[in-house]
C-alpha cells in the first residue's frame, strides 16, 4: 500500500522523486540537493494528512 502512495505522488519504488515530479516542482536540472529536505517535509506532511504517518 505504501508503494502505491508514493507512486501516486510521483516517487519511485525506492521513494525517490521521479524526473517528471522534479520537473513539475521546478527542480529538474538543479545540480545540488538543497530542495530535497523541503520535498521530504512536504511528503511527511501529506502522509500525516492521509493518516499514513502518526504525529
C-alpha atoms as a PDB file:
ATOM      1  CA  UNK A   1       0.000   0.000   0.000  1.00  0.00           C
ATOM      2  CA  UNK A   2       2.838   2.391   0.782  1.00  0.00           C
ATOM      3  CA  UNK A   3       4.352   1.837  -2.672  1.00  0.00           C
ATOM      4  CA  UNK A   4       1.055   2.885  -4.269  1.00  0.00           C
ATOM      5  CA  UNK A   5       1.042   6.007  -2.094  1.00  0.00           C
ATOM      6  CA  UNK A   6       4.489   7.019  -3.324  1.00  0.00           C
ATOM      7  CA  UNK A   7       3.593   6.194  -6.932  1.00  0.00           C
ATOM      8  CA  UNK A   8       0.530   8.451  -6.810  1.00  0.00           C
ATOM      9  CA  UNK A   9       2.728  11.291  -5.612  1.00  0.00           C
ATOM     10  CA  UNK A  10       5.340  10.768  -8.328  1.00  0.00           C
ATOM     11  CA  UNK A  11       8.023   8.851  -6.412  1.00  0.00           C
ATOM     12  CA  UNK A  12       9.559   5.539  -7.470  1.00  0.00           C
ATOM     13  CA  UNK A  13       9.724   2.252  -5.546  1.00  0.00           C
ATOM     14  CA  UNK A  14      12.890   3.486  -3.812  1.00  0.00           C
ATOM     15  CA  UNK A  15      10.994   6.557  -2.578  1.00  0.00           C
ATOM     16  CA  UNK A  16      12.940   8.896  -4.838  1.00  0.00           C
ATOM     17  CA  UNK A  17      11.058  11.570  -6.786  1.00  0.00           C
ATOM     18  CA  UNK A  18      10.730  10.786 -10.488  1.00  0.00           C
ATOM     19  CA  UNK A  19      12.085  13.216 -13.081  1.00  0.00           C
ATOM     20  CA  UNK A  20       8.513  14.167 -14.026  1.00  0.00           C
ATOM     21  CA  UNK A  21       7.830  15.091 -10.398  1.00  0.00           C
ATOM     22  CA  UNK A  22      11.001  17.158 -10.138  1.00  0.00           C
ATOM     23  CA  UNK A  23      10.116  18.919 -13.382  1.00  0.00           C
ATOM     24  CA  UNK A  24       6.602  19.673 -12.160  1.00  0.00           C
ATOM     25  CA  UNK A  25       8.057  21.129  -8.957  1.00  0.00           C
ATOM     26  CA  UNK A  26      10.566  23.189 -10.919  1.00  0.00           C
ATOM     27  CA  UNK A  27      13.535  21.280  -9.500  1.00  0.00           C
ATOM     28  CA  UNK A  28      14.748  19.312 -12.503  1.00  0.00           C
ATOM     29  CA  UNK A  29      18.186  20.455 -13.539  1.00  0.00           C
ATOM     30  CA  UNK A  30      19.280  21.567 -10.092  1.00  0.00           C
ATOM     31  CA  UNK A  31      22.861  20.456  -9.541  1.00  0.00           C
ATOM     32  CA  UNK A  32      22.603  20.312  -5.784  1.00  0.00           C
ATOM     33  CA  UNK A  33      20.073  18.753  -3.451  1.00  0.00           C
ATOM     34  CA  UNK A  34      19.092  21.810  -1.454  1.00  0.00           C
ATOM     35  CA  UNK A  35      15.395  21.278  -2.231  1.00  0.00           C
ATOM     36  CA  UNK A  36      15.182  17.665  -1.149  1.00  0.00           C
ATOM     37  CA  UNK A  37      14.691  18.454   2.565  1.00  0.00           C
ATOM     38  CA  UNK A  38      11.709  20.596   1.563  1.00  0.00           C
ATOM     39  CA  UNK A  39      10.311  17.809  -0.609  1.00  0.00           C
ATOM     40  CA  UNK A  40      10.771  15.347   2.253  1.00  0.00           C
ATOM     41  CA  UNK A  41       8.956  17.679   4.644  1.00  0.00           C
ATOM     42  CA  UNK A  42       6.057  18.112   2.204  1.00  0.00           C
ATOM     43  CA  UNK A  43       5.841  14.349   1.755  1.00  0.00           C
ATOM     44  CA  UNK A  44       5.758  13.748   5.508  1.00  0.00           C
ATOM     45  CA  UNK A  45       3.024  16.360   5.905  1.00  0.00           C
ATOM     46  CA  UNK A  46       0.974  14.718   3.151  1.00  0.00           C
ATOM     47  CA  UNK A  47       1.401  11.315   4.768  1.00  0.00           C
ATOM     48  CA  UNK A  48       0.226  12.706   8.116  1.00  0.00           C
ATOM     49  CA  UNK A  49      -2.836  14.263   6.465  1.00  0.00           C
ATOM     50  CA  UNK A  50      -3.637  10.949   4.753  1.00  0.00           C
ATOM     51  CA  UNK A  51      -3.304   9.092   8.062  1.00  0.00           C
ATOM     52  CA  UNK A  52      -0.337   7.028   6.896  1.00  0.00           C
ATOM     53  CA  UNK A  53       2.001   8.553   9.449  1.00  0.00           C
ATOM     54  CA  UNK A  54       1.338   9.179  13.110  1.00  0.00           C
ATOM     55  CA  UNK A  55       2.138  12.572  14.570  1.00  0.00           C
END
